Amino acid sequence: QVQLVESGGGLVQAGGSLRLSCVASGSSFSINAMGWYRQAPGKQRELVATMTSGGTTNYLNSVKGRFTISRNSAKNTVYLEMNSLKPGDTAVYYCYKGLLDGTAWREYWGQGTQVTVSS
């Protein structure tokens, strides 16, 4: 069973920066993806940034150029560096890990960390 533990959320003023971290424990499979989703009140959860085990990244258009995802595979950790934060970035941010277990794609989620950006 994979467990994900996030840290690094908080309150920041617009234009500020935060760094989120997520450590994964449990099973490790070579083909996988890790990343971040977010959910604001009254809105659907949306992909923010992901990175595959092969290094391919995917970003939400509105965060391109401001957010950077990175991974430390040896530590089974994924990071999200968030710069030039805007009030619209306020949401609960969830760590995500997907992995290929034989022929099945399995997904796991962290408990979420609150990011609040004040204007």
Protein backbone atom coordinates (compact mmCIF):
# COMPACT_ATOMS: atom_id res chain seq x y z
CA GLN A 1 0.00 0.00 0.00
CA VAL A 2 1.37 3.40 -0.99
CA GLN A 3 1.14 6.26 1.48
CA LEU A 4 1.74 9.89 0.59
CA VAL A 5 2.58 12.57 3.14
CA GLU A 6 2.54 16.23 2.08
CA SER A 7 4.09 19.24 3.73
CA GLY A 8 4.78 22.88 2.95
CA GLY A 9 1.36 24.48 2.61
CA GLY A 10 0.44 27.69 4.35
CA LEU A 11 -0.61 31.31 4.03
CA VAL A 12 1.30 33.65 1.74
CA GLN A 13 0.72 37.04 0.19
CA ALA A 14 0.17 37.44 -3.51
CA GLY A 15 3.47 37.40 -5.34
CA GLY A 16 5.05 35.17 -2.73
CA SER A 17 6.40 31.64 -2.94
CA LEU A 18 5.83 28.27 -1.34
CA ARG A 19 7.38 24.86 -1.77
CA LEU A 20 5.32 21.72 -1.34
CA SER A 21 6.90 18.34 -0.64
CA CYS A 22 5.44 14.86 -0.76
CA VAL A 23 7.11 11.68 0.41
CA ALA A 24 5.80 8.36 -0.85
CA SER A 25 6.22 5.14 1.10
CA GLY A 26 5.19 1.60 0.33
CA SER A 27 5.43 -0.23 -2.95
CA SER A 28 7.66 1.12 -5.65
CA PHE A 29 7.15 0.36 -9.34
CA SER A 30 9.36 1.44 -12.17
CA ILE A 31 6.60 2.92 -14.35
CA ASN A 32 4.86 5.62 -12.41
CA ALA A 33 3.91 9.26 -12.19
CA MET A 34 3.88 11.64 -9.26
CA GLY A 35 2.52 15.10 -8.98
CA TRP A 36 0.00 17.55 -7.61
CA TYR A 37 -3.66 18.26 -8.00
CA ARG A 38 -5.68 20.99 -6.32
CA GLN A 39 -9.25 21.64 -5.38
CA ALA A 40 -10.72 25.02 -4.55
CA PRO A 41 -14.07 25.38 -2.75
CA GLY A 42 -16.94 24.67 -5.08
CA LYS A 43 -14.66 23.53 -7.89
CA GLN A 44 -13.54 20.22 -9.28
CA ARG A 45 -10.14 18.81 -8.53
CA GLU A 46 -7.68 19.75 -11.27
CA LEU A 47 -4.23 18.67 -12.30
CA VAL A 48 -1.55 21.18 -11.39
CA ALA A 49 1.63 19.38 -12.39
CA THR A 50 2.82 15.82 -12.86
CA MET A 51 6.07 14.14 -13.73
CA THR A 52 6.47 10.59 -14.97
CA SER A 53 9.26 8.23 -14.03
CA GLY A 54 10.64 8.97 -17.50
CA GLY A 55 10.83 12.68 -16.73
CA THR A 56 7.88 13.90 -18.80
CA THR A 57 6.09 16.84 -17.18
CA ASN A 58 2.60 18.18 -17.58
CA TYR A 59 1.37 21.50 -16.20
CA LEU A 60 -1.92 23.32 -15.83
CA ASN A 61 -1.77 26.20 -18.30
CA SER A 62 -2.38 28.83 -15.66
CA VAL A 63 0.68 27.80 -13.62
CA LYS A 64 3.17 27.42 -16.47
CA GLY A 65 6.16 29.65 -15.89
CA ARG A 66 5.31 30.07 -12.21
CA PHE A 67 5.31 26.51 -10.81
CA THR A 68 8.02 23.90 -11.18
CA ILE A 69 7.70 20.22 -10.38
CA SER A 70 10.70 18.08 -9.53
CA ARG A 71 11.36 14.59 -8.21
CA ASN A 72 14.01 12.86 -6.16
CA SER A 73 13.50 9.24 -7.12
CA ALA A 74 16.02 7.98 -4.59
CA LYS A 75 13.97 9.59 -1.82
CA ASN A 76 10.63 8.80 -3.47
CA THR A 77 9.76 12.47 -3.11
CA VAL A 78 8.10 15.00 -5.36
CA TYR A 79 8.26 18.77 -4.95
CA LEU A 80 6.26 21.69 -6.25
CA GLU A 81 7.98 25.06 -6.26
CA MET A 82 5.31 27.75 -6.52
CA ASN A 83 6.33 31.31 -7.35
CA SER A 84 4.39 34.49 -8.13
CA LEU A 85 1.42 33.07 -6.31
CA LYS A 86 -2.01 34.53 -6.99
CA PRO A 87 -5.23 34.47 -4.95
CA GLY A 88 -6.62 32.14 -7.63
CA ASP A 89 -4.04 29.54 -6.57
CA THR A 90 -5.79 29.18 -3.22
CA ALA A 91 -6.87 25.56 -2.82
CA VAL A 92 -6.17 22.30 -1.08
CA TYR A 93 -3.23 20.71 -2.86
CA TYR A 94 -3.12 16.92 -3.07
CA CYS A 95 -0.11 14.79 -3.76
CA TYR A 96 -0.72 12.10 -6.35
CA LYS A 97 1.03 8.92 -7.34
CA GLY A 98 0.02 6.60 -10.12
CA LEU A 99 1.81 3.38 -10.88
CA LEU A 100 1.61 0.46 -13.26
CA ASP A 101 1.09 -2.74 -11.28
CA GLY A 102 1.24 -5.48 -13.88
CA THR A 103 -1.51 -4.41 -16.26
CA ALA A 104 -3.42 -2.25 -13.78
CA TRP A 105 -2.89 1.48 -13.24
CA ARG A 106 -3.29 2.26 -9.55
CA GLU A 107 -3.68 5.74 -8.08
CA TYR A 108 -2.98 7.03 -4.61
CA TRP A 109 -3.62 10.38 -2.92
CA GLY A 110 -2.26 12.30 0.01
CA GLN A 111 -4.45 13.90 2.65
CA GLY A 112 -4.05 17.38 1.19
CA THR A 113 -2.35 20.56 2.31
CA GLN A 114 -3.97 23.98 2.32
CA VAL A 115 -2.44 26.79 0.30
CA THR A 116 -3.96 30.22 0.86
CA VAL A 117 -2.84 33.26 -1.10
CA SER A 118 -4.01 36.61 0.22
CA SER A 119 -4.40 39.68 -1.99
